[in-house]
C-alpha atoms as a PDB file:
ATOM      1  CA  MET A   1      -0.031  -0.127   0.288  1.00  0.00           C
ATOM      2  CA  ASN A   2       1.411   3.654  -0.888  1.00  0.00           C
ATOM      3  CA  LEU A   3       0.369   7.460  -0.690  1.00  0.00           C
ATOM      4  CA  ILE A   4      -0.424   8.094  -4.225  1.00  0.00           C
ATOM      5  CA  SER A   5      -1.302  11.758  -3.746  1.00  0.00           C
ATOM      6  CA  ILE A   6      -1.496  14.434  -1.712  1.00  0.00           C
ATOM      7  CA  ASN A   7      -4.305  17.083  -1.935  1.00  0.00           C
ATOM      8  CA  VAL A   8      -4.607  20.361  -0.287  1.00  0.00           C
ATOM      9  CA  ALA A   9      -7.319  23.608  -0.951  1.00  0.00           C
ATOM     10  CA  VAL A  10      -8.225  26.559   1.163  1.00  0.00           C
ATOM     11  CA  PRO A  11     -12.101  27.696   1.621  1.00  0.00           C
ATOM     12  CA  LYS A  12     -12.990  29.761  -1.834  1.00  0.00           C
ATOM     13  CA  VAL A  13     -16.986  31.066  -2.789  1.00  0.00           C
ATOM     14  CA  VAL A  14     -18.302  28.821  -5.566  1.00  0.00           C
ATOM     15  CA  ILE A  15     -21.761  29.636  -7.534  1.00  0.00           C
ATOM     16  CA  ALA A  16     -24.203  26.695  -7.048  1.00  0.00           C
ATOM     17  CA  GLY A  17     -27.577  27.656  -8.789  1.00  0.00           C
ATOM     18  CA  LYS A  18     -28.239  31.085  -7.627  1.00  0.00           C
ATOM     19  CA  GLN A  19     -26.032  30.161  -3.634  1.00  0.00           C
ATOM     20  CA  GLU A  20     -22.993  31.172  -3.133  1.00  0.00           C
ATOM     21  CA  VAL A  21     -20.967  28.281  -1.243  1.00  0.00           C
ATOM     22  CA  SER A  22     -17.512  28.717   0.486  1.00  0.00           C
ATOM     23  CA  THR A  23     -16.029  25.224  -0.211  1.00  0.00           C
ATOM     24  CA  ALA A  24     -12.666  23.689   0.417  1.00  0.00           C
ATOM     25  CA  ILE A  25     -13.694  20.611  -1.715  1.00  0.00           C
ATOM     26  CA  PHE A  26     -11.794  21.053  -4.859  1.00  0.00           C
ATOM     27  CA  LYS A  27      -8.684  20.306  -3.796  1.00  0.00           C
ATOM     28  CA  THR A  28      -4.760  20.494  -5.673  1.00  0.00           C
ATOM     29  CA  GLN A  29      -2.231  17.901  -5.856  1.00  0.00           C
ATOM     30  CA  VAL A  30       0.719  18.957  -4.328  1.00  0.00           C
ATOM     31  CA  THR A  31       4.572  17.642  -4.995  1.00  0.00           C
ATOM     32  CA  GLY A  32       7.046  17.212  -2.123  1.00  0.00           C
ATOM     33  CA  PRO A  33       7.379  16.962   1.527  1.00  0.00           C
ATOM     34  CA  VAL A  34       3.552  18.283   3.148  1.00  0.00           C
ATOM     35  CA  ARG A  35       3.964  18.712   6.737  1.00  0.00           C
ATOM     36  CA  VAL A  36       0.597  17.128   8.970  1.00  0.00           C
ATOM     37  CA  GLY A  37      -0.170  19.117  12.096  1.00  0.00           C
ATOM     38  CA  LYS A  38      -2.524  18.009  14.514  1.00  0.00           C
ATOM     39  CA  LEU A  39      -5.759  19.359  12.338  1.00  0.00           C
ATOM     40  CA  ASN A  40      -4.707  20.022   9.054  1.00  0.00           C
ATOM     41  CA  LEU A  41      -2.546  19.294   6.515  1.00  0.00           C
ATOM     42  CA  GLU A  42       0.378  22.067   5.617  1.00  0.00           C
ATOM     43  CA  GLY A  43      -1.854  24.037   2.844  1.00  0.00           C
ATOM     44  CA  ASP A  44      -5.141  22.380   3.749  1.00  0.00           C
ATOM     45  CA  ARG A  45      -8.320  24.058   5.427  1.00  0.00           C
ATOM     46  CA  GLN A  46     -12.155  23.652   5.620  1.00  0.00           C
ATOM     47  CA  ALA A  47     -14.569  25.722   5.178  1.00  0.00           C
ATOM     48  CA  ASP A  48     -17.000  25.026   7.562  1.00  0.00           C
ATOM     49  CA  LEU A  49     -15.721  23.698  11.192  1.00  0.00           C
ATOM     50  CA  SER A  50     -19.223  23.009  12.661  1.00  0.00           C
ATOM     51  CA  VAL A  51     -18.927  19.841  10.419  1.00  0.00           C
ATOM     52  CA  HIS A  52     -15.256  19.770   8.862  1.00  0.00           C
ATOM     53  CA  GLY A  53     -12.506  19.723  10.444  1.00  0.00           C
ATOM     54  CA  GLY A  54     -11.469  18.943  13.559  1.00  0.00           C
ATOM     55  CA  GLU A  55      -9.688  16.496  15.788  1.00  0.00           C
ATOM     56  CA  HIS A  56     -11.401  13.288  14.512  1.00  0.00           C
ATOM     57  CA  LYS A  57     -11.532  14.909  11.088  1.00  0.00           C
ATOM     58  CA  ALA A  58      -8.277  15.953  10.368  1.00  0.00           C
ATOM     59  CA  VAL A  59      -7.774  14.311   7.261  1.00  0.00           C
ATOM     60  CA  TYR A  60      -9.714  12.721   4.941  1.00  0.00           C
ATOM     61  CA  ALA A  61      -8.427   9.081   3.374  1.00  0.00           C
ATOM     62  CA  TYR A  62     -10.151   7.581  -0.186  1.00  0.00           C
ATOM     63  CA  SER A  63      -9.014   4.676  -2.582  1.00  0.00           C
ATOM     64  CA  TRP A  64      -7.710   4.872  -5.819  1.00  0.00           C
ATOM     65  CA  GLN A  65      -9.624   2.002  -6.387  1.00  0.00           C
ATOM     66  CA  ASN A  66     -12.865   3.549  -5.529  1.00  0.00           C
ATOM     67  CA  ILE A  67     -12.169   6.063  -7.922  1.00  0.00           C
ATOM     68  CA  GLU A  68     -11.499   3.713 -10.909  1.00  0.00           C
ATOM     69  CA  TYR A  69     -14.582   2.379 -10.105  1.00  0.00           C
ATOM     70  CA  TRP A  70     -16.245   5.734 -10.146  1.00  0.00           C
ATOM     71  CA  LYS A  71     -14.496   6.545 -13.692  1.00  0.00           C
ATOM     72  CA  LYS A  72     -16.211   3.513 -14.586  1.00  0.00           C
ATOM     73  CA  PHE A  73     -19.980   3.201 -13.116  1.00  0.00           C
ATOM     74  CA  LEU A  74     -20.364   7.331 -14.493  1.00  0.00           C
ATOM     75  CA  HIS A  75     -18.286   6.956 -17.902  1.00  0.00           C
ATOM     76  CA  ARG A  76     -15.916  10.037 -17.031  1.00  0.00           C
ATOM     77  CA  ASP A  77     -12.524  10.248 -17.751  1.00  0.00           C
ATOM     78  CA  ASP A  78     -11.798  13.713 -15.443  1.00  0.00           C
ATOM     79  CA  LEU A  79     -11.826  12.038 -12.224  1.00  0.00           C
ATOM     80  CA  ARG A  80      -8.662  12.157 -10.685  1.00  0.00           C
ATOM     81  CA  PRO A  81      -6.798  12.356  -7.097  1.00  0.00           C
ATOM     82  CA  GLY A  82      -8.427  14.670  -5.281  1.00  0.00           C
ATOM     83  CA  SER A  83     -11.636  14.710  -7.520  1.00  0.00           C
ATOM     84  CA  PHE A  84     -13.992  13.718  -3.849  1.00  0.00           C
ATOM     85  CA  GLY A  85     -12.184  16.367  -1.877  1.00  0.00           C
ATOM     86  CA  GLU A  86      -9.945  13.448  -0.062  1.00  0.00           C
ATOM     87  CA  ASN A  87      -6.481  14.845   1.158  1.00  0.00           C
ATOM     88  CA  LEU A  88      -4.498  11.141   1.040  1.00  0.00           C
ATOM     89  CA  THR A  89      -5.472   9.130  -2.117  1.00  0.00           C
ATOM     90  CA  VAL A  90      -4.249   6.003  -1.075  1.00  0.00           C
ATOM     91  CA  ASP A  91      -3.505   2.484  -3.149  1.00  0.00           C
ATOM     92  CA  GLY A  92      -5.754  -0.146  -1.151  1.00  0.00           C
ATOM     93  CA  LEU A  93      -7.194   0.717   2.157  1.00  0.00           C
ATOM     94  CA  LEU A  94     -10.555  -0.247   0.833  1.00  0.00           C
ATOM     95  CA  ASP A  95     -13.925   0.754   3.147  1.00  0.00           C
ATOM     96  CA  THR A  96     -14.469  -3.188   3.626  1.00  0.00           C
ATOM     97  CA  GLU A  97     -10.703  -3.751   4.253  1.00  0.00           C
ATOM     98  CA  VAL A  98     -10.307  -0.745   7.462  1.00  0.00           C
ATOM     99  CA  SER A  99     -11.552  -0.956  10.470  1.00  0.00           C
ATOM    100  CA  ILE A 100     -12.280   1.650  12.999  1.00  0.00           C
ATOM    101  CA  GLY A 101      -9.235   2.307  15.421  1.00  0.00           C
ATOM    102  CA  ASP A 102      -6.569   1.075  12.880  1.00  0.00           C
ATOM    103  CA  GLU A 103      -3.860   3.345  12.732  1.00  0.00           C
ATOM    104  CA  LEU A 104      -1.735   4.116   9.667  1.00  0.00           C
ATOM    105  CA  GLN A 105       2.283   5.028   9.469  1.00  0.00           C
ATOM    106  CA  ILE A 106       2.997   7.133   6.219  1.00  0.00           C
ATOM    107  CA  GLY A 107       6.276   8.574   5.792  1.00  0.00           C
ATOM    108  CA  SER A 108       7.031  10.445   9.974  1.00  0.00           C
ATOM    109  CA  ALA A 109       3.271  10.432  10.443  1.00  0.00           C
ATOM    110  CA  ARG A 110       0.607   8.332  12.201  1.00  0.00           C
ATOM    111  CA  PHE A 111      -2.769   8.597  11.789  1.00  0.00           C
ATOM    112  CA  ARG A 112      -5.921   6.673  13.043  1.00  0.00           C
ATOM    113  CA  VAL A 113      -8.834   5.899  11.630  1.00  0.00           C
ATOM    114  CA  THR A 114     -11.871   7.698  13.370  1.00  0.00           C
ATOM    115  CA  GLN A 115     -14.850   6.942  10.804  1.00  0.00           C
ATOM    116  CA  PRO A 116     -16.432   7.070   7.443  1.00  0.00           C
ATOM    117  CA  ARG A 117     -17.190   9.876   5.658  1.00  0.00           C
ATOM    118  CA  PHE A 118     -21.058  11.031   4.988  1.00  0.00           C
ATOM    119  CA  PRO A 119     -21.014  13.834   2.537  1.00  0.00           C
ATOM    120  CA  CYS A 120     -22.494  16.819   2.403  1.00  0.00           C
ATOM    121  CA  PHE A 121     -24.268  18.480  -0.845  1.00  0.00           C
ATOM    122  CA  LYS A 122     -20.836  20.106  -1.715  1.00  0.00           C
ATOM    123  CA  LEU A 123     -19.890  17.167  -3.157  1.00  0.00           C
ATOM    124  CA  GLY A 124     -22.700  16.879  -5.492  1.00  0.00           C
ATOM    125  CA  ILE A 125     -21.230  20.116  -6.339  1.00  0.00           C
ATOM    126  CA  ALA A 126     -17.672  19.180  -7.231  1.00  0.00           C
ATOM    127  CA  MET A 127     -19.039  16.292  -9.559  1.00  0.00           C
ATOM    128  CA  GLY A 128     -21.836  18.375 -10.704  1.00  0.00           C
ATOM    129  CA  GLN A 129     -24.452  16.048  -9.611  1.00  0.00           C
ATOM    130  CA  LYS A 130     -27.224  17.030  -7.287  1.00  0.00           C
ATOM    131  CA  LYS A 131     -28.623  13.906  -6.303  1.00  0.00           C
ATOM    132  CA  PHE A 132     -25.031  12.557  -6.502  1.00  0.00           C
ATOM    133  CA  ILE A 133     -24.778  11.968  -3.041  1.00  0.00           C
ATOM    134  CA  LYS A 134     -27.357   9.232  -2.516  1.00  0.00           C
ATOM    135  CA  THR A 135     -25.355   7.453  -5.441  1.00  0.00           C
ATOM    136  CA  PHE A 136     -22.140   7.603  -2.888  1.00  0.00           C
ATOM    137  CA  ASP A 137     -23.486   6.709   0.428  1.00  0.00           C
ATOM    138  CA  ASP A 138     -25.561   3.916  -0.933  1.00  0.00           C
ATOM    139  CA  SER A 139     -22.802   2.232  -3.112  1.00  0.00           C
ATOM    140  CA  GLY A 140     -20.529   1.388   0.466  1.00  0.00           C
ATOM    141  CA  ARG A 141     -17.683   3.038  -1.007  1.00  0.00           C
ATOM    142  CA  ASN A 142     -17.319   6.485   1.760  1.00  0.00           C
ATOM    143  CA  GLY A 143     -13.604   6.696   2.562  1.00  0.00           C
ATOM    144  CA  PHE A 144     -12.763   7.536   5.920  1.00  0.00           C
ATOM    145  CA  TYR A 145     -11.465   9.886   8.185  1.00  0.00           C
ATOM    146  CA  LEU A 146      -8.499  10.067  10.141  1.00  0.00           C
ATOM    147  CA  SER A 147      -6.693  11.523  13.413  1.00  0.00           C
ATOM    148  CA  VAL A 148      -3.376  12.632  13.849  1.00  0.00           C
ATOM    149  CA  LEU A 149      -1.807  10.670  16.467  1.00  0.00           C
ATOM    150  CA  GLN A 150       1.870  11.691  15.640  1.00  0.00           C
ATOM    151  CA  GLU A 151       2.819  15.304  13.591  1.00  0.00           C
ATOM    152  CA  GLY A 152       5.216  14.315  10.862  1.00  0.00           C
ATOM    153  CA  VAL A 153       6.226  15.099   6.988  1.00  0.00           C
ATOM    154  CA  ILE A 154       4.562  13.030   4.330  1.00  0.00           C
ATOM    155  CA  GLU A 155       5.247  12.460   0.345  1.00  0.00           C
ATOM    156  CA  ALA A 156       3.701  10.889  -2.616  1.00  0.00           C
ATOM    157  CA  GLY A 157       5.153   7.657  -2.869  1.00  0.00           C
ATOM    158  CA  ASN A 158       5.200   7.293   1.114  1.00  0.00           C
ATOM    159  CA  GLU A 159       4.271   3.449   2.089  1.00  0.00           C
ATOM    160  CA  ILE A 160       1.617   3.258   4.081  1.00  0.00           C
ATOM    161  CA  ARG A 161       2.320   0.649   7.070  1.00  0.00           C
ATOM    162  CA  ARG A 162      -1.321  -0.808   8.607  1.00  0.00           C
ATOM    163  CA  ILE A 163      -1.840  -1.362  12.298  1.00  0.00           C
ATOM    164  CA  ALA A 164      -4.797  -3.223  12.776  1.00  0.00           C
ATOM    165  CA  ASN A 165      -6.941  -3.825  16.146  1.00  0.00           C
ATOM    166  CA  THR A 166      -5.818  -6.989  17.183  1.00  0.00           C
ATOM    167  CA  ASN A 167      -9.931  -7.240  18.936  1.00  0.00           C
ATOM    168  CA  PRO A 168     -11.233  -9.820  15.763  1.00  0.00           C
ATOM    169  CA  GLU A 169     -14.587  -7.792  16.736  1.00  0.00           C
ATOM    170  CA  ALA A 170     -13.565  -4.504  15.628  1.00  0.00           C
ATOM    171  CA  ILE A 171     -15.565  -2.796  12.883  1.00  0.00           C
ATOM    172  CA  THR A 172     -14.598  -2.055   9.214  1.00  0.00           C
ATOM    173  CA  VAL A 173     -15.671   1.418   7.811  1.00  0.00           C
ATOM    174  CA  ALA A 174     -18.286  -0.326   5.665  1.00  0.00           C
ATOM    175  CA  GLU A 175     -20.093  -2.168   8.426  1.00  0.00           C
ATOM    176  CA  PHE A 176     -20.202   1.520  10.532  1.00  0.00           C
ATOM    177  CA  VAL A 177     -21.820   2.892   7.834  1.00  0.00           C
ATOM    178  CA  LYS A 178     -24.698  -0.001   7.549  1.00  0.00           C
ATOM    179  CA  LEU A 179     -25.097   0.320  10.862  1.00  0.00           C
ATOM    180  CA  TYR A 180     -25.443   4.252  10.476  1.00  0.00           C
ATOM    181  CA  GLN A 181     -28.032   3.811   7.529  1.00  0.00           C
ATOM    182  CA  TYR A 182     -29.771   1.204   9.237  1.00  0.00           C
ATOM    183  CA  SER A 183     -29.860   3.188  12.382  1.00  0.00           C
ATOM    184  CA  ARG A 184     -30.945   6.453  10.402  1.00  0.00           C
ATOM    185  CA  ALA A 185     -33.713   4.344   8.650  1.00  0.00           C
ATOM    186  CA  HIS A 186     -35.115   2.622  12.070  1.00  0.00           C
ATOM    187  CA  GLY A 187     -34.906   5.151  14.402  1.00  0.00           C
ATOM    188  CA  GLU A 188     -35.533   3.609  18.101  1.00  0.00           C
ATOM    189  CA  ASN A 189     -35.618  -0.346  16.295  1.00  0.00           C
ATOM    190  CA  ILE A 190     -31.647  -0.552  16.326  1.00  0.00           C
ATOM    191  CA  SER A 191     -30.306  -1.567  19.327  1.00  0.00           C
ATOM    192  CA  SER A 192     -28.108   1.030  21.400  1.00  0.00           C
ATOM    193  CA  SER A 193     -26.535  -1.151  22.938  1.00  0.00           C
ATOM    194  CA  GLU A 194     -25.100  -3.369  20.081  1.00  0.00           C
ATOM    195  CA  ILE A 195     -23.917   0.029  18.616  1.00  0.00           C
ATOM    196  CA  ARG A 196     -22.423   1.299  21.453  1.00  0.00           C
ATOM    197  CA  ARG A 197     -20.524  -2.686  21.858  1.00  0.00           C
ATOM    198  CA  ARG A 198     -19.547  -3.247  18.128  1.00  0.00           C
ATOM    199  CA  LEU A 199     -18.127   1.040  18.111  1.00  0.00           C
ATOM    200  CA  THR A 200     -16.257   0.719  21.550  1.00  0.00           C
ATOM    201  CA  LEU A 201     -14.677  -2.196  20.419  1.00  0.00           C
ATOM    202  CA  GLY A 202     -13.086  -0.812  17.634  1.00  0.00           C
ATOM    203  CA  GLY A 203     -11.491   2.010  19.285  1.00  0.00           C
ATOM    204  CA  PRO A 204     -13.539   5.127  18.100  1.00  0.00           C
ATOM    205  CA  PRO A 205     -13.427   8.469  19.663  1.00  0.00           C
ATOM    206  CA  LYS A 206     -15.252   8.321  23.211  1.00  0.00           C
ATOM    207  CA  GLU A 207     -18.045  10.642  22.281  1.00  0.00           C
ATOM    208  CA  TRP A 208     -19.190   7.837  20.255  1.00  0.00           C
ATOM    209  CA  LYS A 209     -20.034   5.535  23.395  1.00  0.00           C
ATOM    210  CA  SER A 210     -23.312   6.398  23.314  1.00  0.00           C
ATOM    211  CA  PRO A 211     -25.928   5.342  20.840  1.00  0.00           C
ATOM    212  CA  LEU A 212     -24.400   6.162  17.580  1.00  0.00           C
ATOM    213  CA  LYS A 213     -27.886   8.073  16.596  1.00  0.00           C
ATOM    214  CA  ASN A 214     -27.801  10.402  19.193  1.00  0.00           C
ATOM    215  CA  ASP A 215     -23.588  11.061  18.767  1.00  0.00           C
ATOM    216  CA  PHE A 216     -22.631  10.517  15.160  1.00  0.00           C
ATOM    217  CA  LYS A 217     -23.116  14.039  13.441  1.00  0.00           C
ATOM    218  CA  PRO A 218     -22.298  13.738   9.622  1.00  0.00           C
ATOM    219  CA  GLU A 219     -21.808  16.661   7.215  1.00  0.00           C
ATOM    220  CA  THR A 220     -24.782  18.652   6.846  1.00  0.00           C
ATOM    221  CA  GLY A 221     -23.084  21.003   4.447  1.00  0.00           C
ATOM    222  CA  ARG A 222     -24.310  24.331   6.532  1.00  0.00           C
END
């Protein structure tokens, strides 16, 4: 596994229909060493810190294999590293293979997988398809956010070393997505104790140790 591309952006205002939207989803590939801070990559910022960024969503990673899937599914040849707003375009690390709580060593920096990405309407703007968000979520190819355990320096081409959970019951990113979608669809019918148990085993942030539907806040596009 290796790091294919590092992608960053600062917020800018774009016109979506009749609305002005501030967003940093339009990432640009950068070359050379990039410093990893506790809340950001060097040169990267988030537009709305109430729903983006923060300690548990400092960096967003997405698999190149997912991008290749979308190129075929959408019949688009223009999709490239950064097209989905990801900071790190990675080789491998599919949602079905990576678990919440897994740790990644890239360059001299160390990360922890914290949660899947549930995108807001800004991904639809980036893709030029307003309804793409549902298609994206339904695909199970969400990618995942990372917290920074150790600041350092990374560079495209770096090897990625994954340190998986030793607990065999750790929940994968794909499984988390299914639990969240089920919770959203069924409300109180889902067992909050089961959600709590599974997430706690995976080693997520401590605020998720009560029922998922009450604690987890996906992007809302505010």
